[in-house]
C-alpha cells in the first residue's frame, strides 16, 4: 500500500491533481497519519492539539515556535 495523503486545511476544501482530488477532512485524522507537515501558519488550527495527536510533525512555517518535542522537526 502506498502513501496516503490528507488535507486538513479548513480554507482549502479540495486540491486537484492529474490523478485525482484531495478533499479536506477533519483534523482528528492526524491521529492516524505517520507524519504531519505544516505548510501554512494560521489561526484556524489548534496547534497544541496537533502536537498532542500527531505522531511526527515537520514544521515548515515555525508554527510551533518555542515548542520542544522529539516529534517536531523544523525546516
Protein backbone atom coordinates (compact mmCIF):
# COMPACT_ATOMS: atom_id res chain seq x y z
CA UNK A 1 0.00 0.00 0.00
CA UNK A 2 1.41 3.39 -0.97
CA UNK A 3 1.32 6.64 0.96
CA UNK A 4 -1.98 8.22 1.86
CA UNK A 5 -2.27 11.99 1.84
CA UNK A 6 -4.73 14.09 3.83
CA UNK A 7 -5.72 17.74 3.59
CA UNK A 8 -6.96 19.23 6.86
CA UNK A 9 -6.86 22.91 5.89
CA UNK A 10 -10.34 24.39 6.52
CA UNK A 11 -9.62 27.14 3.97
CA UNK A 12 -8.83 24.71 1.13
CA UNK A 13 -11.75 22.36 0.53
CA UNK A 14 -10.01 20.37 -2.19
CA UNK A 15 -6.77 20.11 -4.13
CA UNK A 16 -6.90 18.71 -7.67
CA UNK A 17 -4.11 16.64 -9.15
CA UNK A 18 -3.76 14.96 -12.52
CA UNK A 19 -4.71 11.63 -10.98
CA UNK A 20 -7.40 12.71 -8.52
CA UNK A 21 -8.72 15.13 -5.94
CA UNK A 22 -7.68 15.51 -2.33
CA UNK A 23 -10.64 16.72 -0.25
CA UNK A 24 -10.36 18.38 3.13
CA UNK A 25 -11.04 16.20 6.15
CA UNK A 26 -11.30 16.81 9.88
CA UNK A 27 -8.22 17.49 11.98
CA UNK A 28 -8.78 14.35 14.06
CA UNK A 29 -7.49 12.37 11.10
CA UNK A 30 -3.92 13.37 12.02
CA UNK A 31 -4.01 10.68 14.70
CA UNK A 32 -3.77 8.03 12.00
CA UNK A 33 -1.09 9.82 9.96
CA UNK A 34 2.56 8.79 10.06
CA UNK A 35 3.67 12.39 9.58
CA UNK A 36 2.02 15.83 9.58
CA UNK A 37 3.59 18.60 7.53
CA UNK A 38 2.69 22.18 8.45
CA UNK A 39 2.83 24.24 5.26
CA UNK A 40 0.84 27.25 6.41
CA UNK A 41 0.51 29.00 9.75
CA UNK A 42 -2.90 30.43 10.53
CA UNK A 43 -5.24 30.71 13.47
CA UNK A 44 -7.66 28.01 12.24
CA UNK A 45 -5.57 25.28 13.86
CA UNK A 46 -5.24 24.28 17.47
CA UNK A 47 -1.50 23.64 17.34
CA UNK A 48 -1.41 22.25 20.89
CA UNK A 49 -3.98 19.60 19.90
CA UNK A 50 -1.98 18.89 16.75
CA UNK A 51 1.15 18.48 18.86
CA UNK A 52 -0.70 16.14 21.22
CA UNK A 53 -2.30 13.99 18.49
CA UNK A 54 0.31 13.78 15.73
CA UNK A 55 2.97 11.08 15.65
CA UNK A 56 5.55 13.21 13.85
CA UNK A 57 5.43 16.85 12.70
CA UNK A 58 7.52 18.65 10.09
CA UNK A 59 7.01 22.36 10.71
CA UNK A 60 7.98 24.40 7.65
CA UNK A 61 6.38 27.63 8.95
CA UNK A 62 7.64 27.79 12.56
CA UNK A 63 4.04 27.45 13.73
CA UNK A 64 5.29 25.61 16.81
CA UNK A 65 7.86 28.24 17.72
CA UNK A 66 9.21 27.69 21.22
CA UNK A 67 7.88 24.12 21.43
CA UNK A 68 10.48 21.50 22.26
CA UNK A 69 9.47 17.99 21.32
CA UNK A 70 11.25 14.96 19.88
CA UNK A 71 8.44 14.59 17.36
CA UNK A 72 8.79 18.10 15.88
CA UNK A 73 11.28 18.77 13.10
CA UNK A 74 11.75 22.21 11.57
CA UNK A 75 12.87 23.16 8.09
